[in-house]
Amino acid sequence: MQACTLDFENEKLDRQNMQHQLHVILKELRKARNQITQLESLKQLRELAFPEPLVTFQGEAENKVKVASPKSPTAALNESLVECPKCNIQYPATEHRDLLVHVEYCSK
């Protein structure tokens, strides 16, 4: 009888320990999901602030400006801009190669 009672108590402690571990893991999972959601929203904001250029290889004028005004003031500080001397379309300095391609076609 004592062996059964001891076994029952051990099983009860094991179950409580597993429940605690499950709660800790679920809490970490929620935290990770929140981080993913925040990173995805930041990525979307960045994509809205710096849309992809419209590359025209027929020598047509581009319809859209390369860089829209940033959504936050810190985004403006993080990114220097360079622009086409002919049509003044702006590009982030990190994408200077795209600007060179644009200038080549814009000057033709």
C-alpha atoms as a PDB file:
ATOM      1  CA  MET A   1       0.000   0.000   0.000  1.00  0.00           C
ATOM      2  CA  GLN A   2       2.831   2.412   0.888  1.00  0.00           C
ATOM      3  CA  ALA A   3       4.565   1.563  -2.392  1.00  0.00           C
ATOM      4  CA  CYS A   4       1.416   2.480  -4.342  1.00  0.00           C
ATOM      5  CA  THR A   5       1.027   5.737  -2.411  1.00  0.00           C
ATOM      6  CA  LEU A   6       4.685   6.646  -2.998  1.00  0.00           C
ATOM      7  CA  ASP A   7       4.373   5.789  -6.696  1.00  0.00           C
ATOM      8  CA  PHE A   8       1.218   7.917  -6.942  1.00  0.00           C
ATOM      9  CA  GLU A   9       2.963  10.902  -5.287  1.00  0.00           C
ATOM     10  CA  ASN A  10       5.954  10.570  -7.637  1.00  0.00           C
ATOM     11  CA  GLU A  11       3.643  10.530 -10.669  1.00  0.00           C
ATOM     12  CA  LYS A  12       1.829  13.585  -9.320  1.00  0.00           C
ATOM     13  CA  LEU A  13       5.131  15.477  -8.915  1.00  0.00           C
ATOM     14  CA  ASP A  14       6.237  14.431 -12.413  1.00  0.00           C
ATOM     15  CA  ARG A  15       2.951  15.699 -13.875  1.00  0.00           C
ATOM     16  CA  GLN A  16       3.279  19.035 -12.054  1.00  0.00           C
ATOM     17  CA  ASN A  17       6.872  19.383 -13.271  1.00  0.00           C
ATOM     18  CA  MET A  18       5.820  18.649 -16.860  1.00  0.00           C
ATOM     19  CA  GLN A  19       2.983  21.185 -16.633  1.00  0.00           C
ATOM     20  CA  HIS A  20       5.422  23.815 -15.384  1.00  0.00           C
ATOM     21  CA  GLN A  21       7.825  23.061 -18.251  1.00  0.00           C
ATOM     22  CA  LEU A  22       4.930  23.249 -20.718  1.00  0.00           C
ATOM     23  CA  HIS A  23       3.926  26.684 -19.405  1.00  0.00           C
ATOM     24  CA  VAL A  24       7.523  27.926 -19.693  1.00  0.00           C
ATOM     25  CA  ILE A  25       7.794  26.656 -23.280  1.00  0.00           C
ATOM     26  CA  LEU A  26       4.435  28.169 -24.252  1.00  0.00           C
ATOM     27  CA  LYS A  27       5.521  31.502 -22.777  1.00  0.00           C
ATOM     28  CA  GLU A  28       8.753  31.398 -24.813  1.00  0.00           C
ATOM     29  CA  LEU A  29       6.759  30.475 -27.922  1.00  0.00           C
ATOM     30  CA  ARG A  30       4.437  33.463 -27.445  1.00  0.00           C
ATOM     31  CA  LYS A  31       7.450  35.730 -26.983  1.00  0.00           C
ATOM     32  CA  ALA A  32       9.069  34.382 -30.175  1.00  0.00           C
ATOM     33  CA  ARG A  33       5.840  34.825 -32.145  1.00  0.00           C
ATOM     34  CA  ASN A  34       5.556  38.423 -30.933  1.00  0.00           C
ATOM     35  CA  GLN A  35       9.137  39.095 -32.040  1.00  0.00           C
ATOM     36  CA  ILE A  36       8.419  37.594 -35.466  1.00  0.00           C
ATOM     37  CA  THR A  37       5.314  39.755 -35.812  1.00  0.00           C
ATOM     38  CA  GLN A  38       7.269  42.884 -34.865  1.00  0.00           C
ATOM     39  CA  LEU A  39      10.081  42.072 -37.292  1.00  0.00           C
ATOM     40  CA  GLU A  40       7.630  41.418 -40.115  1.00  0.00           C
ATOM     41  CA  SER A  41       5.870  44.737 -39.504  1.00  0.00           C
ATOM     42  CA  LEU A  42       9.226  46.556 -39.459  1.00  0.00           C
ATOM     43  CA  LYS A  43      10.154  44.840 -42.712  1.00  0.00           C
ATOM     44  CA  GLN A  44       6.862  45.930 -44.290  1.00  0.00           C
ATOM     45  CA  LEU A  45       7.414  49.519 -43.132  1.00  0.00           C
ATOM     46  CA  ARG A  46      10.899  49.485 -44.619  1.00  0.00           C
ATOM     47  CA  GLU A  47       9.573  48.100 -47.908  1.00  0.00           C
ATOM     48  CA  LEU A  48       6.956  50.864 -47.981  1.00  0.00           C
ATOM     49  CA  ALA A  49       9.583  53.493 -47.240  1.00  0.00           C
ATOM     50  CA  PHE A  50      11.976  52.184 -49.927  1.00  0.00           C
ATOM     51  CA  PRO A  51      10.020  50.559 -52.773  1.00  0.00           C
ATOM     52  CA  GLU A  52      11.793  48.762 -55.618  1.00  0.00           C
ATOM     53  CA  PRO A  53      12.675  50.917 -58.633  1.00  0.00           C
ATOM     54  CA  LEU A  54      10.922  50.703 -61.957  1.00  0.00           C
ATOM     55  CA  VAL A  55      13.729  49.813 -64.353  1.00  0.00           C
ATOM     56  CA  THR A  56      13.021  50.767 -67.940  1.00  0.00           C
ATOM     57  CA  PHE A  57      15.450  49.488 -70.521  1.00  0.00           C
ATOM     58  CA  GLN A  58      13.815  51.221 -73.516  1.00  0.00           C
ATOM     59  CA  GLY A  59      15.027  54.635 -72.400  1.00  0.00           C
ATOM     60  CA  GLU A  60      11.602  55.683 -71.100  1.00  0.00           C
ATOM     61  CA  ALA A  61      11.392  58.061 -68.182  1.00  0.00           C
ATOM     62  CA  GLU A  62      10.682  56.408 -64.870  1.00  0.00           C
ATOM     63  CA  ASN A  63       7.261  57.119 -63.406  1.00  0.00           C
ATOM     64  CA  LYS A  64       8.005  56.701 -59.717  1.00  0.00           C
ATOM     65  CA  VAL A  65      10.541  58.090 -57.333  1.00  0.00           C
ATOM     66  CA  LYS A  66      12.885  55.417 -56.026  1.00  0.00           C
ATOM     67  CA  VAL A  67      12.616  56.443 -52.366  1.00  0.00           C
ATOM     68  CA  ALA A  68       9.439  57.585 -50.662  1.00  0.00           C
ATOM     69  CA  SER A  69       9.747  59.698 -47.577  1.00  0.00           C
ATOM     70  CA  PRO A  70      10.595  57.476 -44.599  1.00  0.00           C
ATOM     71  CA  LYS A  71       7.900  56.725 -42.039  1.00  0.00           C
ATOM     72  CA  SER A  72      10.128  57.511 -39.062  1.00  0.00           C
ATOM     73  CA  PRO A  73      12.763  60.204 -38.513  1.00  0.00           C
ATOM     74  CA  THR A  74      15.357  57.603 -37.527  1.00  0.00           C
ATOM     75  CA  ALA A  75      14.964  55.869 -40.888  1.00  0.00           C
ATOM     76  CA  ALA A  76      15.991  59.103 -42.595  1.00  0.00           C
ATOM     77  CA  LEU A  77      19.114  59.313 -40.471  1.00  0.00           C
ATOM     78  CA  ASN A  78      20.075  55.703 -41.162  1.00  0.00           C
ATOM     79  CA  GLU A  79      20.063  56.047 -44.956  1.00  0.00           C
ATOM     80  CA  SER A  80      21.971  58.577 -47.090  1.00  0.00           C
ATOM     81  CA  LEU A  81      20.491  59.387 -50.479  1.00  0.00           C
ATOM     82  CA  VAL A  82      22.090  59.857 -53.878  1.00  0.00           C
ATOM     83  CA  GLU A  83      20.222  61.130 -56.900  1.00  0.00           C
ATOM     84  CA  CYS A  84      20.335  61.111 -60.662  1.00  0.00           C
ATOM     85  CA  PRO A  85      21.811  64.414 -61.906  1.00  0.00           C
ATOM     86  CA  LYS A  86      19.427  64.488 -64.862  1.00  0.00           C
ATOM     87  CA  CYS A  87      15.991  63.610 -63.421  1.00  0.00           C
ATOM     88  CA  ASN A  88      16.704  63.872 -59.641  1.00  0.00           C
ATOM     89  CA  ILE A  89      15.302  60.437 -58.757  1.00  0.00           C
ATOM     90  CA  GLN A  90      16.725  59.484 -55.373  1.00  0.00           C
ATOM     91  CA  TYR A  91      18.281  56.166 -54.371  1.00  0.00           C
ATOM     92  CA  PRO A  92      19.611  54.992 -50.999  1.00  0.00           C
ATOM     93  CA  ALA A  93      23.409  55.197 -50.965  1.00  0.00           C
ATOM     94  CA  THR A  94      23.558  51.468 -50.287  1.00  0.00           C
ATOM     95  CA  GLU A  95      22.000  50.929 -53.727  1.00  0.00           C
ATOM     96  CA  HIS A  96      24.462  53.099 -55.653  1.00  0.00           C
ATOM     97  CA  ARG A  97      24.874  50.431 -58.334  1.00  0.00           C
ATOM     98  CA  ASP A  98      21.180  50.700 -59.186  1.00  0.00           C
ATOM     99  CA  LEU A  99      21.659  54.450 -59.536  1.00  0.00           C
ATOM    100  CA  LEU A 100      24.573  53.923 -61.927  1.00  0.00           C
ATOM    101  CA  VAL A 101      22.404  51.673 -64.096  1.00  0.00           C
ATOM    102  CA  HIS A 102      19.628  54.263 -63.993  1.00  0.00           C
ATOM    103  CA  VAL A 103      21.983  57.143 -64.917  1.00  0.00           C
ATOM    104  CA  GLU A 104      23.321  55.133 -67.833  1.00  0.00           C
ATOM    105  CA  TYR A 105      19.820  54.683 -69.301  1.00  0.00           C
ATOM    106  CA  CYS A 106      18.567  58.116 -68.251  1.00  0.00           C
ATOM    107  CA  SER A 107      21.373  59.889 -70.108  1.00  0.00           C
ATOM    108  CA  LYS A 108      20.645  58.111 -73.419  1.00  0.00           C
END
